[in-house]
């Protein structure tokens, strides 16, 4: 456990961010699975693409990973 006040605050912040990131990543993975299924609707694909864009913009995933997933979804849907 940290003794310095700023270190304690940083620990609280990182713990909160970890929880938030885990939830966002889980939601993204679920959306991708739904979008990649053979019975996926256009709505599900659109939702997955917007989640990918947001995750890349926020730094949750690398921008190239988002671009790669979007490209593969477009290729499969066409």
N, C-alpha and C. Protein backbone atom coordinates (compact mmCIF):
# COMPACT_ATOMS: atom_id res chain seq x y z
N UNK A 1 0.84 -1.19 0.00
CA UNK A 1 0.00 0.00 0.00
C UNK A 1 0.88 1.25 0.00
N UNK A 2 0.51 2.22 -0.80
CA UNK A 2 1.27 3.46 -0.83
C UNK A 2 1.01 4.30 0.42
N UNK A 3 2.01 5.08 0.80
CA UNK A 3 1.88 5.96 1.96
C UNK A 3 1.62 7.40 1.55
N UNK A 4 2.08 7.77 0.39
CA UNK A 4 1.97 9.16 -0.07
C UNK A 4 0.58 9.37 -0.65
N UNK A 5 0.01 10.53 -0.35
CA UNK A 5 -1.37 10.83 -0.75
C UNK A 5 -1.56 10.76 -2.26
N UNK A 6 -0.62 11.29 -3.01
CA UNK A 6 -0.77 11.29 -4.47
C UNK A 6 -0.70 9.87 -5.02
N UNK A 7 0.12 9.03 -4.39
CA UNK A 7 0.23 7.63 -4.82
C UNK A 7 -1.07 6.88 -4.52
N UNK A 8 -1.70 7.21 -3.39
CA UNK A 8 -2.98 6.60 -3.04
C UNK A 8 -4.04 6.99 -4.06
N UNK A 9 -4.04 8.26 -4.43
CA UNK A 9 -5.02 8.74 -5.41
C UNK A 9 -4.79 8.07 -6.77
N UNK A 10 -3.51 7.97 -7.17
CA UNK A 10 -3.19 7.31 -8.44
C UNK A 10 -3.64 5.86 -8.43
N UNK A 11 -3.53 5.20 -7.30
CA UNK A 11 -3.98 3.81 -7.19
C UNK A 11 -5.50 3.73 -7.36
N UNK A 12 -6.21 4.64 -6.73
CA UNK A 12 -7.68 4.68 -6.87
C UNK A 12 -8.07 4.92 -8.32
N UNK A 13 -7.38 5.86 -8.95
CA UNK A 13 -7.69 6.20 -10.34
C UNK A 13 -7.42 5.02 -11.26
N UNK A 14 -6.29 4.35 -11.06
CA UNK A 14 -5.94 3.24 -11.94
C UNK A 14 -6.89 2.07 -11.74
N UNK A 15 -7.32 1.86 -10.50
CA UNK A 15 -8.28 0.79 -10.23
C UNK A 15 -9.61 1.07 -10.92
N UNK A 16 -10.06 2.32 -10.86
CA UNK A 16 -11.32 2.71 -11.51
C UNK A 16 -11.19 2.57 -13.03
N UNK A 17 -10.05 3.00 -13.57
CA UNK A 17 -9.84 2.91 -15.01
C UNK A 17 -9.79 1.46 -15.47
N UNK A 18 -9.20 0.59 -14.66
CA UNK A 18 -9.10 -0.83 -15.01
C UNK A 18 -10.49 -1.44 -15.10
N UNK A 19 -11.33 -1.12 -14.14
CA UNK A 19 -12.71 -1.64 -14.15
C UNK A 19 -13.45 -1.13 -15.37
N UNK A 20 -13.31 0.16 -15.65
CA UNK A 20 -13.99 0.77 -16.79
C UNK A 20 -13.50 0.16 -18.11
N UNK A 21 -12.18 0.02 -18.24
CA UNK A 21 -11.60 -0.55 -19.46
C UNK A 21 -12.03 -1.99 -19.67
N UNK A 22 -12.09 -2.75 -18.57
CA UNK A 22 -12.49 -4.15 -18.68
C UNK A 22 -13.92 -4.26 -19.19
N UNK A 23 -14.80 -3.41 -18.69
CA UNK A 23 -16.20 -3.43 -19.12
C UNK A 23 -16.31 -3.03 -20.59
N UNK A 24 -15.58 -1.99 -20.98
CA UNK A 24 -15.63 -1.53 -22.37
C UNK A 24 -15.08 -2.60 -23.32
N UNK A 25 -13.98 -3.23 -22.94
CA UNK A 25 -13.38 -4.26 -23.78
C UNK A 25 -14.31 -5.46 -23.92
N UNK A 26 -14.95 -5.83 -22.83
CA UNK A 26 -15.88 -6.94 -22.85
C UNK A 26 -17.06 -6.65 -23.77
N UNK A 27 -17.61 -5.44 -23.67
CA UNK A 27 -18.73 -5.05 -24.53
C UNK A 27 -18.31 -5.05 -26.00
N UNK A 28 -17.09 -4.60 -26.27
CA UNK A 28 -16.57 -4.58 -27.63
C UNK A 28 -16.44 -6.00 -28.18
N UNK A 29 -15.89 -6.89 -27.39
CA UNK A 29 -15.71 -8.28 -27.84
C UNK A 29 -17.05 -8.95 -28.10
N UNK A 30 -18.02 -8.70 -27.24
CA UNK A 30 -19.35 -9.27 -27.43
C UNK A 30 -19.98 -8.75 -28.71
N UNK A 31 -19.85 -7.45 -28.96
CA UNK A 31 -20.41 -6.86 -30.17
C UNK A 31 -19.74 -7.43 -31.41
N UNK A 32 -18.43 -7.65 -31.34
CA UNK A 32 -17.71 -8.22 -32.48
C UNK A 32 -18.16 -9.65 -32.77
N UNK A 33 -18.37 -10.42 -31.71
CA UNK A 33 -18.84 -11.79 -31.90
C UNK A 33 -20.21 -11.80 -32.58
N UNK A 34 -21.10 -10.92 -32.12
CA UNK A 34 -22.43 -10.85 -32.71
C UNK A 34 -22.35 -10.41 -34.17
N UNK A 35 -21.48 -9.44 -34.46
CA UNK A 35 -21.36 -8.90 -35.81
C UNK A 35 -20.76 -9.92 -36.77
N UNK A 36 -19.92 -10.80 -36.26
CA UNK A 36 -19.26 -11.78 -37.12
C UNK A 36 -20.10 -13.03 -37.35
N UNK A 37 -21.18 -13.20 -36.59
CA UNK A 37 -22.00 -14.39 -36.75
C UNK A 37 -22.71 -14.35 -38.11
N UNK A 38 -23.03 -15.52 -38.66
CA UNK A 38 -23.68 -15.55 -39.98
C UNK A 38 -25.07 -14.90 -39.99
N UNK A 39 -25.71 -14.85 -38.84
CA UNK A 39 -27.06 -14.28 -38.76
C UNK A 39 -27.05 -12.81 -38.33
N UNK A 40 -25.91 -12.16 -38.42
CA UNK A 40 -25.77 -10.78 -37.95
C UNK A 40 -26.60 -9.82 -38.81
N UNK A 41 -27.25 -8.88 -38.14
CA UNK A 41 -28.03 -7.86 -38.85
C UNK A 41 -27.13 -6.66 -39.15
N UNK A 42 -27.62 -5.79 -40.00
CA UNK A 42 -26.87 -4.57 -40.32
C UNK A 42 -26.72 -3.70 -39.08
N UNK A 43 -27.73 -3.71 -38.21
CA UNK A 43 -27.68 -2.94 -36.96
C UNK A 43 -26.54 -3.41 -36.07
N UNK A 44 -26.36 -4.72 -35.97
CA UNK A 44 -25.30 -5.27 -35.13
C UNK A 44 -23.93 -4.91 -35.68
N UNK A 45 -23.80 -4.94 -37.00
CA UNK A 45 -22.52 -4.56 -37.61
C UNK A 45 -22.21 -3.09 -37.38
N UNK A 46 -23.23 -2.26 -37.53
CA UNK A 46 -23.05 -0.82 -37.32
C UNK A 46 -22.66 -0.53 -35.88
N UNK A 47 -23.31 -1.23 -34.95
CA UNK A 47 -23.00 -1.05 -33.54
C UNK A 47 -21.55 -1.45 -33.24
N UNK A 48 -21.13 -2.57 -33.80
CA UNK A 48 -19.75 -3.04 -33.58
C UNK A 48 -18.75 -2.05 -34.15
N UNK A 49 -19.05 -1.50 -35.32
CA UNK A 49 -18.14 -0.54 -35.95
C UNK A 49 -18.01 0.72 -35.10
N UNK A 50 -19.14 1.21 -34.58
CA UNK A 50 -19.06 2.42 -33.76
C UNK A 50 -18.32 2.16 -32.46
N UNK A 51 -18.51 0.97 -31.87
CA UNK A 51 -17.76 0.62 -30.66
C UNK A 51 -16.27 0.52 -30.96
N UNK A 52 -15.91 -0.04 -32.11
CA UNK A 52 -14.50 -0.13 -32.50
C UNK A 52 -13.90 1.27 -32.65
N UNK A 53 -14.64 2.15 -33.33
CA UNK A 53 -14.15 3.52 -33.52
C UNK A 53 -13.91 4.21 -32.19
N UNK A 54 -14.88 4.06 -31.29
CA UNK A 54 -14.77 4.70 -29.98
C UNK A 54 -13.60 4.13 -29.19
N UNK A 55 -13.44 2.80 -29.21
CA UNK A 55 -12.36 2.16 -28.47
C UNK A 55 -10.99 2.61 -29.01
N UNK A 56 -10.89 2.76 -30.32
CA UNK A 56 -9.62 3.20 -30.91
C UNK A 56 -9.36 4.66 -30.54
N UNK A 57 -10.40 5.48 -30.57
CA UNK A 57 -10.24 6.90 -30.25
C UNK A 57 -9.84 7.10 -28.79
N UNK A 58 -10.38 6.26 -27.89
CA UNK A 58 -10.09 6.38 -26.47
C UNK A 58 -8.79 5.68 -26.07
N UNK A 59 -8.20 4.92 -27.00
CA UNK A 59 -6.95 4.25 -26.68
C UNK A 59 -7.12 2.88 -26.05
N UNK A 60 -8.34 2.37 -26.09
CA UNK A 60 -8.60 1.05 -25.51
C UNK A 60 -7.99 -0.04 -26.38
N UNK A 61 -8.08 0.13 -27.69
CA UNK A 61 -7.44 -0.78 -28.65
C UNK A 61 -6.64 0.06 -29.63
N UNK A 62 -5.70 -0.55 -30.30
CA UNK A 62 -4.88 0.16 -31.26
C UNK A 62 -5.71 0.50 -32.49
N UNK A 63 -5.43 1.62 -33.11
CA UNK A 63 -6.23 2.07 -34.26
C UNK A 63 -6.14 1.09 -35.43
N UNK A 64 -5.00 0.44 -35.59
CA UNK A 64 -4.87 -0.54 -36.68
C UNK A 64 -5.71 -1.78 -36.42
N UNK A 65 -5.86 -2.16 -35.16
CA UNK A 65 -6.72 -3.29 -34.82
C UNK A 65 -8.15 -2.97 -35.20
N UNK A 66 -8.59 -1.77 -34.88
CA UNK A 66 -9.96 -1.35 -35.23
C UNK A 66 -10.13 -1.33 -36.74
N UNK A 67 -9.18 -0.79 -37.45
CA UNK A 67 -9.26 -0.73 -38.90
C UNK A 67 -9.29 -2.12 -39.52
N UNK A 68 -8.51 -3.02 -38.98
CA UNK A 68 -8.46 -4.38 -39.49
C UNK A 68 -9.80 -5.09 -39.30
N UNK A 69 -10.38 -4.96 -38.11
CA UNK A 69 -11.69 -5.57 -37.85
C UNK A 69 -12.76 -4.99 -38.75
N UNK A 70 -12.75 -3.66 -38.91
CA UNK A 70 -13.76 -3.01 -39.75
C UNK A 70 -13.61 -3.48 -41.20
N UNK A 71 -12.39 -3.59 -41.67
CA UNK A 71 -12.13 -4.02 -43.04
C UNK A 71 -12.64 -5.44 -43.26
N UNK A 72 -12.36 -6.32 -42.31
CA UNK A 72 -12.78 -7.72 -42.44
C UNK A 72 -14.31 -7.84 -42.40
N UNK A 73 -14.95 -7.02 -41.56
CA UNK A 73 -16.41 -7.06 -41.50
C UNK A 73 -17.01 -6.57 -42.82
N UNK A 74 -16.44 -5.52 -43.38
CA UNK A 74 -16.93 -4.99 -44.65
C UNK A 74 -16.75 -6.01 -45.76
N UNK A 75 -15.61 -6.68 -45.75
CA UNK A 75 -15.32 -7.69 -46.77
C UNK A 75 -16.29 -8.87 -46.66
N UNK A 76 -16.59 -9.29 -45.45
CA UNK A 76 -17.49 -10.42 -45.23
C UNK A 76 -18.94 -10.05 -45.56
N UNK A 77 -19.31 -8.81 -45.29
CA UNK A 77 -20.69 -8.36 -45.53
C UNK A 77 -20.99 -8.11 -46.99
N UNK A 78 -19.96 -7.86 -47.77
CA UNK A 78 -20.15 -7.49 -49.19
C UNK A 78 -20.45 -8.68 -50.07
